[in-house]
N, C-alpha and C. Protein backbone atom coordinates (compact mmCIF):
# COMPACT_ATOMS: atom_id res chain seq x y z
N MET A 1 12.64 -12.94 -14.60
CA MET A 1 11.92 -11.72 -14.30
C MET A 1 10.51 -11.82 -14.87
N LEU A 2 9.53 -11.54 -14.03
CA LEU A 2 8.14 -11.55 -14.46
C LEU A 2 7.82 -10.28 -15.22
N ALA A 3 7.00 -10.38 -16.25
CA ALA A 3 6.64 -9.22 -17.05
C ALA A 3 5.15 -9.26 -17.37
N GLY A 4 4.57 -8.08 -17.60
CA GLY A 4 3.17 -7.97 -17.96
C GLY A 4 2.29 -7.77 -16.74
N PRO A 5 0.98 -7.85 -16.93
CA PRO A 5 0.05 -7.65 -15.81
C PRO A 5 0.11 -8.81 -14.82
N MET A 6 -0.28 -8.52 -13.59
CA MET A 6 -0.35 -9.58 -12.58
C MET A 6 -1.44 -10.56 -12.98
N PRO A 7 -1.15 -11.84 -12.94
CA PRO A 7 -2.14 -12.83 -13.38
C PRO A 7 -3.32 -12.93 -12.42
N SER A 8 -4.51 -12.93 -12.97
CA SER A 8 -5.72 -13.05 -12.14
C SER A 8 -5.80 -14.41 -11.48
N SER A 9 -5.00 -15.37 -11.94
CA SER A 9 -4.99 -16.70 -11.31
C SER A 9 -4.49 -16.64 -9.87
N LEU A 10 -3.89 -15.52 -9.47
CA LEU A 10 -3.49 -15.35 -8.07
C LEU A 10 -4.68 -15.47 -7.13
N THR A 11 -5.86 -15.16 -7.62
CA THR A 11 -7.05 -15.25 -6.77
C THR A 11 -7.35 -16.69 -6.35
N CYS A 12 -6.81 -17.65 -7.06
CA CYS A 12 -7.00 -19.06 -6.70
C CYS A 12 -6.18 -19.46 -5.47
N ALA A 13 -5.22 -18.64 -5.11
CA ALA A 13 -4.37 -18.92 -3.95
C ALA A 13 -5.02 -18.32 -2.71
N ALA A 14 -6.15 -18.87 -2.31
CA ALA A 14 -6.96 -18.31 -1.23
C ALA A 14 -6.23 -18.22 0.10
N ALA A 15 -5.30 -19.12 0.36
CA ALA A 15 -4.59 -19.13 1.64
C ALA A 15 -3.28 -18.34 1.60
N LEU A 16 -2.97 -17.70 0.48
CA LEU A 16 -1.72 -16.96 0.33
C LEU A 16 -1.62 -15.85 1.37
N GLN A 17 -0.53 -15.84 2.12
CA GLN A 17 -0.33 -14.82 3.14
C GLN A 17 0.75 -13.82 2.76
N VAL A 18 1.70 -14.22 1.93
CA VAL A 18 2.82 -13.35 1.57
C VAL A 18 2.92 -13.28 0.05
N LEU A 19 2.91 -12.07 -0.48
CA LEU A 19 3.01 -11.85 -1.92
C LEU A 19 4.22 -10.96 -2.18
N HIS A 20 5.33 -11.56 -2.57
CA HIS A 20 6.56 -10.84 -2.90
C HIS A 20 6.76 -10.89 -4.41
N LEU A 21 6.38 -9.82 -5.08
CA LEU A 21 6.56 -9.74 -6.53
C LEU A 21 7.35 -8.49 -6.90
N GLY A 22 8.11 -7.96 -5.96
CA GLY A 22 8.89 -6.76 -6.21
C GLY A 22 10.03 -7.00 -7.17
N SER A 23 10.53 -5.91 -7.74
CA SER A 23 11.69 -5.91 -8.64
C SER A 23 11.49 -6.82 -9.85
N ASN A 24 10.35 -6.67 -10.50
CA ASN A 24 10.07 -7.36 -11.75
C ASN A 24 9.71 -6.31 -12.79
N ASN A 25 9.02 -6.70 -13.81
CA ASN A 25 8.56 -5.76 -14.83
C ASN A 25 7.05 -5.89 -14.98
N LEU A 26 6.36 -5.91 -13.84
CA LEU A 26 4.91 -6.01 -13.86
C LEU A 26 4.31 -4.67 -14.26
N THR A 27 3.26 -4.72 -15.05
CA THR A 27 2.61 -3.52 -15.57
C THR A 27 1.10 -3.64 -15.39
N GLY A 28 0.38 -2.62 -15.78
CA GLY A 28 -1.07 -2.70 -15.80
C GLY A 28 -1.76 -2.30 -14.52
N GLY A 29 -1.05 -1.70 -13.59
CA GLY A 29 -1.66 -1.23 -12.35
C GLY A 29 -1.75 -2.30 -11.28
N VAL A 30 -2.12 -1.86 -10.09
CA VAL A 30 -2.36 -2.78 -8.97
C VAL A 30 -3.79 -3.29 -9.15
N PRO A 31 -3.96 -4.57 -9.41
CA PRO A 31 -5.30 -5.08 -9.72
C PRO A 31 -6.24 -5.07 -8.51
N GLU A 32 -7.48 -4.82 -8.79
CA GLU A 32 -8.54 -4.79 -7.77
C GLU A 32 -8.63 -6.12 -7.03
N PHE A 33 -8.36 -7.24 -7.71
CA PHE A 33 -8.53 -8.55 -7.08
C PHE A 33 -7.56 -8.78 -5.92
N LEU A 34 -6.48 -8.01 -5.82
CA LEU A 34 -5.57 -8.19 -4.68
C LEU A 34 -6.28 -7.91 -3.35
N GLY A 35 -7.27 -7.06 -3.39
CA GLY A 35 -8.04 -6.76 -2.18
C GLY A 35 -8.95 -7.90 -1.75
N ASN A 36 -9.10 -8.90 -2.59
CA ASN A 36 -9.93 -10.07 -2.25
C ASN A 36 -9.11 -11.20 -1.65
N MET A 37 -7.82 -11.02 -1.55
CA MET A 37 -6.95 -12.07 -0.99
C MET A 37 -6.93 -11.89 0.53
N SER A 38 -8.00 -12.32 1.15
CA SER A 38 -8.30 -11.97 2.54
C SER A 38 -7.28 -12.44 3.57
N GLN A 39 -6.49 -13.44 3.27
CA GLN A 39 -5.50 -13.93 4.24
C GLN A 39 -4.14 -13.25 4.10
N ASN A 40 -4.01 -12.39 3.10
CA ASN A 40 -2.72 -11.79 2.81
C ASN A 40 -2.25 -10.86 3.91
N ARG A 41 -0.99 -11.02 4.31
CA ARG A 41 -0.38 -10.20 5.35
C ARG A 41 0.72 -9.31 4.80
N VAL A 42 1.29 -9.69 3.66
CA VAL A 42 2.41 -8.95 3.07
C VAL A 42 2.17 -8.75 1.58
N HIS A 43 2.25 -7.50 1.14
CA HIS A 43 2.25 -7.16 -0.29
C HIS A 43 3.56 -6.44 -0.56
N ASP A 44 4.43 -7.02 -1.34
CA ASP A 44 5.63 -6.33 -1.80
C ASP A 44 5.57 -6.31 -3.32
N LEU A 45 5.18 -5.16 -3.85
CA LEU A 45 5.04 -4.99 -5.29
C LEU A 45 5.96 -3.90 -5.81
N GLY A 46 6.89 -3.46 -4.99
CA GLY A 46 7.76 -2.34 -5.35
C GLY A 46 8.70 -2.66 -6.50
N ARG A 47 9.21 -1.60 -7.08
CA ARG A 47 10.18 -1.68 -8.18
C ARG A 47 9.62 -2.42 -9.38
N ASN A 48 8.37 -2.12 -9.71
CA ASN A 48 7.73 -2.57 -10.94
C ASN A 48 7.27 -1.31 -11.67
N THR A 49 6.79 -1.44 -12.86
CA THR A 49 6.26 -0.29 -13.59
C THR A 49 4.74 -0.40 -13.67
N LEU A 50 4.13 -0.59 -12.52
CA LEU A 50 2.69 -0.84 -12.46
C LEU A 50 1.87 0.32 -13.01
N GLY A 51 2.15 1.53 -12.53
CA GLY A 51 1.35 2.68 -12.92
C GLY A 51 -0.04 2.60 -12.32
N GLY A 52 -0.90 3.51 -12.71
CA GLY A 52 -2.27 3.50 -12.21
C GLY A 52 -2.38 4.00 -10.78
N HIS A 53 -3.31 3.45 -10.05
CA HIS A 53 -3.60 3.90 -8.69
C HIS A 53 -3.79 2.71 -7.77
N LEU A 54 -3.88 2.98 -6.48
CA LEU A 54 -4.17 1.93 -5.51
C LEU A 54 -5.66 1.64 -5.54
N PRO A 55 -6.06 0.40 -5.68
CA PRO A 55 -7.49 0.09 -5.69
C PRO A 55 -8.10 0.20 -4.29
N THR A 56 -9.34 0.62 -4.22
CA THR A 56 -10.02 0.75 -2.93
C THR A 56 -10.13 -0.58 -2.21
N SER A 57 -10.11 -1.68 -2.95
CA SER A 57 -10.26 -3.00 -2.34
C SER A 57 -9.12 -3.34 -1.38
N LEU A 58 -7.97 -2.68 -1.49
CA LEU A 58 -6.87 -2.97 -0.56
C LEU A 58 -7.28 -2.69 0.88
N GLY A 59 -8.22 -1.78 1.07
CA GLY A 59 -8.68 -1.46 2.41
C GLY A 59 -9.39 -2.61 3.11
N SER A 60 -9.75 -3.65 2.39
CA SER A 60 -10.46 -4.77 3.00
C SER A 60 -9.52 -5.87 3.50
N LEU A 61 -8.22 -5.67 3.38
CA LEU A 61 -7.25 -6.69 3.82
C LEU A 61 -6.98 -6.53 5.31
N ARG A 62 -7.85 -7.09 6.12
CA ARG A 62 -7.80 -6.85 7.56
C ARG A 62 -6.59 -7.45 8.26
N PHE A 63 -5.89 -8.40 7.63
CA PHE A 63 -4.71 -8.99 8.23
C PHE A 63 -3.40 -8.36 7.73
N MET A 64 -3.50 -7.43 6.79
CA MET A 64 -2.31 -6.82 6.19
C MET A 64 -1.41 -6.20 7.25
N GLN A 65 -0.13 -6.57 7.21
CA GLN A 65 0.86 -6.03 8.15
C GLN A 65 1.96 -5.26 7.44
N TRP A 66 2.22 -5.58 6.18
CA TRP A 66 3.34 -5.00 5.45
C TRP A 66 2.87 -4.66 4.04
N LEU A 67 2.90 -3.39 3.69
CA LEU A 67 2.49 -2.94 2.36
C LEU A 67 3.62 -2.12 1.76
N ALA A 68 4.27 -2.66 0.75
CA ALA A 68 5.39 -1.98 0.10
C ALA A 68 5.15 -1.93 -1.41
N ILE A 69 4.88 -0.73 -1.89
CA ILE A 69 4.69 -0.52 -3.33
C ILE A 69 5.53 0.70 -3.71
N THR A 70 6.82 0.55 -3.55
CA THR A 70 7.79 1.62 -3.79
C THR A 70 8.17 1.68 -5.26
N GLY A 71 8.32 2.88 -5.78
CA GLY A 71 8.84 3.05 -7.14
C GLY A 71 8.05 2.30 -8.18
N ALA A 72 6.73 2.37 -8.10
CA ALA A 72 5.87 1.62 -9.02
C ALA A 72 5.07 2.53 -9.94
N ARG A 73 5.41 3.80 -9.96
CA ARG A 73 4.73 4.78 -10.82
C ARG A 73 3.24 4.93 -10.52
N LEU A 74 2.89 4.76 -9.26
CA LEU A 74 1.50 4.97 -8.86
C LEU A 74 1.17 6.45 -8.92
N ALA A 75 -0.06 6.77 -9.26
CA ALA A 75 -0.50 8.16 -9.34
C ALA A 75 -1.79 8.32 -8.55
N ARG A 76 -2.33 9.50 -8.57
CA ARG A 76 -3.55 9.90 -7.87
C ARG A 76 -3.31 10.09 -6.38
N ALA A 77 -4.38 10.23 -5.65
CA ALA A 77 -4.29 10.50 -4.21
C ALA A 77 -4.25 9.20 -3.42
N LEU A 78 -3.73 9.29 -2.20
CA LEU A 78 -3.80 8.15 -1.28
C LEU A 78 -5.24 7.95 -0.87
N LEU A 79 -5.63 6.73 -0.74
CA LEU A 79 -7.02 6.40 -0.45
C LEU A 79 -7.33 6.43 1.04
N PRO A 80 -8.46 7.00 1.44
CA PRO A 80 -8.87 6.91 2.84
C PRO A 80 -9.10 5.47 3.27
N GLU A 81 -9.43 4.58 2.31
CA GLU A 81 -9.67 3.17 2.63
C GLU A 81 -8.45 2.49 3.24
N LEU A 82 -7.26 3.03 3.00
CA LEU A 82 -6.07 2.46 3.63
C LEU A 82 -6.16 2.55 5.16
N GLY A 83 -6.99 3.44 5.65
CA GLY A 83 -7.22 3.56 7.09
C GLY A 83 -7.90 2.34 7.69
N ARG A 84 -8.40 1.44 6.85
CA ARG A 84 -9.02 0.21 7.37
C ARG A 84 -8.01 -0.91 7.58
N LEU A 85 -6.75 -0.67 7.24
CA LEU A 85 -5.70 -1.69 7.43
C LEU A 85 -5.22 -1.64 8.87
N ARG A 86 -6.06 -2.03 9.79
CA ARG A 86 -5.82 -1.85 11.23
C ARG A 86 -4.62 -2.60 11.78
N ASN A 87 -4.13 -3.61 11.08
CA ASN A 87 -2.99 -4.39 11.57
C ASN A 87 -1.67 -4.02 10.90
N VAL A 88 -1.69 -3.05 10.02
CA VAL A 88 -0.48 -2.71 9.27
C VAL A 88 0.57 -2.07 10.19
N CYS A 89 1.80 -2.56 10.06
CA CYS A 89 2.93 -2.04 10.83
C CYS A 89 3.89 -1.26 9.95
N PHE A 90 3.95 -1.62 8.67
CA PHE A 90 4.92 -1.02 7.75
C PHE A 90 4.22 -0.66 6.45
N VAL A 91 4.37 0.59 6.03
CA VAL A 91 3.83 1.06 4.75
C VAL A 91 4.93 1.83 4.04
N ASP A 92 5.23 1.42 2.81
CA ASP A 92 6.20 2.16 2.00
C ASP A 92 5.59 2.41 0.62
N LEU A 93 5.21 3.65 0.40
CA LEU A 93 4.64 4.08 -0.88
C LEU A 93 5.52 5.15 -1.51
N SER A 94 6.79 5.17 -1.14
CA SER A 94 7.70 6.21 -1.62
C SER A 94 8.04 6.01 -3.10
N GLU A 95 8.56 7.09 -3.69
CA GLU A 95 9.04 7.10 -5.08
C GLU A 95 7.95 6.73 -6.08
N ASN A 96 6.79 7.32 -5.92
CA ASN A 96 5.69 7.18 -6.87
C ASN A 96 5.29 8.58 -7.33
N ASN A 97 4.10 8.72 -7.84
CA ASN A 97 3.57 10.03 -8.23
C ASN A 97 2.27 10.30 -7.49
N LEU A 98 2.18 9.83 -6.25
CA LEU A 98 0.98 10.05 -5.45
C LEU A 98 0.84 11.54 -5.16
N ALA A 99 -0.38 12.04 -5.23
CA ALA A 99 -0.62 13.47 -5.07
C ALA A 99 -1.69 13.73 -4.01
N GLY A 100 -1.82 14.99 -3.63
CA GLY A 100 -2.85 15.38 -2.67
C GLY A 100 -2.35 15.27 -1.24
N ARG A 101 -3.29 15.28 -0.32
CA ARG A 101 -3.00 15.24 1.11
C ARG A 101 -3.01 13.81 1.64
N LEU A 102 -2.35 13.62 2.77
CA LEU A 102 -2.48 12.34 3.48
C LEU A 102 -3.87 12.30 4.09
N PRO A 103 -4.64 11.27 3.83
CA PRO A 103 -5.99 11.20 4.40
C PRO A 103 -5.95 11.12 5.92
N SER A 104 -6.81 11.85 6.58
CA SER A 104 -6.85 11.83 8.05
C SER A 104 -7.23 10.44 8.57
N MET A 105 -7.88 9.62 7.74
CA MET A 105 -8.25 8.26 8.14
C MET A 105 -7.02 7.40 8.47
N LEU A 106 -5.85 7.79 7.97
CA LEU A 106 -4.64 7.02 8.27
C LEU A 106 -4.30 7.08 9.76
N ALA A 107 -4.81 8.06 10.46
CA ALA A 107 -4.51 8.22 11.88
C ALA A 107 -4.98 7.03 12.71
N VAL A 108 -5.91 6.23 12.21
CA VAL A 108 -6.41 5.10 12.99
C VAL A 108 -5.50 3.87 12.89
N LEU A 109 -4.43 3.96 12.14
CA LEU A 109 -3.50 2.83 11.99
C LEU A 109 -2.56 2.79 13.19
N ARG A 110 -3.07 2.44 14.32
CA ARG A 110 -2.36 2.53 15.60
C ARG A 110 -1.13 1.63 15.71
N ARG A 111 -1.01 0.61 14.89
CA ARG A 111 0.13 -0.30 14.97
C ARG A 111 1.29 0.11 14.06
N THR A 112 1.11 1.18 13.33
CA THR A 112 2.12 1.61 12.36
C THR A 112 3.43 1.97 13.05
N ARG A 113 4.50 1.34 12.59
CA ARG A 113 5.85 1.63 13.10
C ARG A 113 6.65 2.44 12.09
N GLU A 114 6.43 2.14 10.81
CA GLU A 114 7.13 2.87 9.75
C GLU A 114 6.14 3.23 8.67
N PHE A 115 6.19 4.49 8.25
CA PHE A 115 5.35 4.97 7.16
C PHE A 115 6.23 5.81 6.25
N ARG A 116 6.38 5.37 5.01
CA ARG A 116 7.24 6.06 4.06
C ARG A 116 6.42 6.51 2.85
N ALA A 117 6.53 7.77 2.55
CA ALA A 117 5.82 8.32 1.40
C ALA A 117 6.65 9.41 0.73
N SER A 118 7.96 9.32 0.85
CA SER A 118 8.84 10.34 0.26
C SER A 118 8.85 10.24 -1.26
N SER A 119 9.32 11.29 -1.90
CA SER A 119 9.45 11.36 -3.36
C SER A 119 8.13 11.10 -4.07
N ASN A 120 7.10 11.79 -3.61
CA ASN A 120 5.79 11.80 -4.24
C ASN A 120 5.41 13.26 -4.46
N LYS A 121 4.17 13.52 -4.78
CA LYS A 121 3.69 14.89 -4.98
C LYS A 121 2.63 15.22 -3.93
N LEU A 122 2.86 14.77 -2.71
CA LEU A 122 1.92 15.01 -1.62
C LEU A 122 1.99 16.47 -1.18
N THR A 123 0.86 16.99 -0.73
CA THR A 123 0.78 18.39 -0.32
C THR A 123 0.14 18.50 1.05
N GLY A 124 0.16 19.69 1.61
CA GLY A 124 -0.50 19.94 2.89
C GLY A 124 0.34 19.52 4.07
N HIS A 125 -0.31 19.46 5.21
CA HIS A 125 0.34 19.12 6.47
C HIS A 125 0.08 17.67 6.83
N LEU A 126 0.93 17.14 7.69
CA LEU A 126 0.66 15.81 8.26
C LEU A 126 -0.52 15.95 9.20
N PRO A 127 -1.49 15.06 9.10
CA PRO A 127 -2.61 15.13 10.05
C PRO A 127 -2.11 15.03 11.49
N ARG A 128 -2.49 15.97 12.32
CA ARG A 128 -2.04 16.03 13.71
C ARG A 128 -2.34 14.73 14.45
N ALA A 129 -3.45 14.10 14.13
CA ALA A 129 -3.85 12.88 14.83
C ALA A 129 -2.86 11.74 14.64
N ILE A 130 -2.07 11.78 13.58
CA ILE A 130 -1.09 10.71 13.36
C ILE A 130 -0.12 10.63 14.53
N PHE A 131 0.36 11.77 14.99
CA PHE A 131 1.34 11.77 16.07
C PHE A 131 0.73 11.33 17.39
N ALA A 132 -0.53 11.61 17.59
CA ALA A 132 -1.20 11.19 18.81
C ALA A 132 -1.63 9.73 18.77
N ASN A 133 -1.97 9.24 17.58
CA ASN A 133 -2.56 7.91 17.47
C ASN A 133 -1.60 6.82 17.00
N TRP A 134 -0.39 7.16 16.64
CA TRP A 134 0.58 6.16 16.20
C TRP A 134 1.66 6.04 17.28
N PRO A 135 1.35 5.45 18.42
CA PRO A 135 2.31 5.41 19.53
C PRO A 135 3.56 4.57 19.23
N LYS A 136 3.50 3.67 18.27
CA LYS A 136 4.64 2.81 17.95
C LYS A 136 5.49 3.33 16.80
N LEU A 137 5.15 4.51 16.28
CA LEU A 137 5.85 5.07 15.12
C LEU A 137 7.32 5.30 15.42
N LYS A 138 8.19 4.72 14.59
CA LYS A 138 9.64 4.86 14.73
C LYS A 138 10.25 5.61 13.55
N SER A 139 9.60 5.53 12.37
CA SER A 139 10.16 6.13 11.17
C SER A 139 9.06 6.71 10.31
N LEU A 140 9.24 7.99 9.93
CA LEU A 140 8.25 8.68 9.10
C LEU A 140 9.00 9.40 8.01
């Protein structure tokens, strides 16, 4: 089982496409440098005690297809920058402490098939544009 903060040496893996580090004891938040891993298609960081918030740099992962950070004690609001993940099909941010509204920018994620955000502290209504702009949505 891995423990402690995610090693910054991950940035040396420039061609890394899949990052499965779920179900460990990683701490120290989701590091900003993960947004610089430009070839990454899968982030599975769930079931860690990361804490903190999602870094804005995640929005620059243009090839991202699968983002799972479930049960990682994330806090704060969901970032509008996640709306730049144009290729994402699956997002699971459930069982955290995310608060506030779902950003309307998420409506541009037209390839989204599953979006999970249960067991958080989200408020407000689902942006109407999500239902119009997510034609492939199967699970919400």
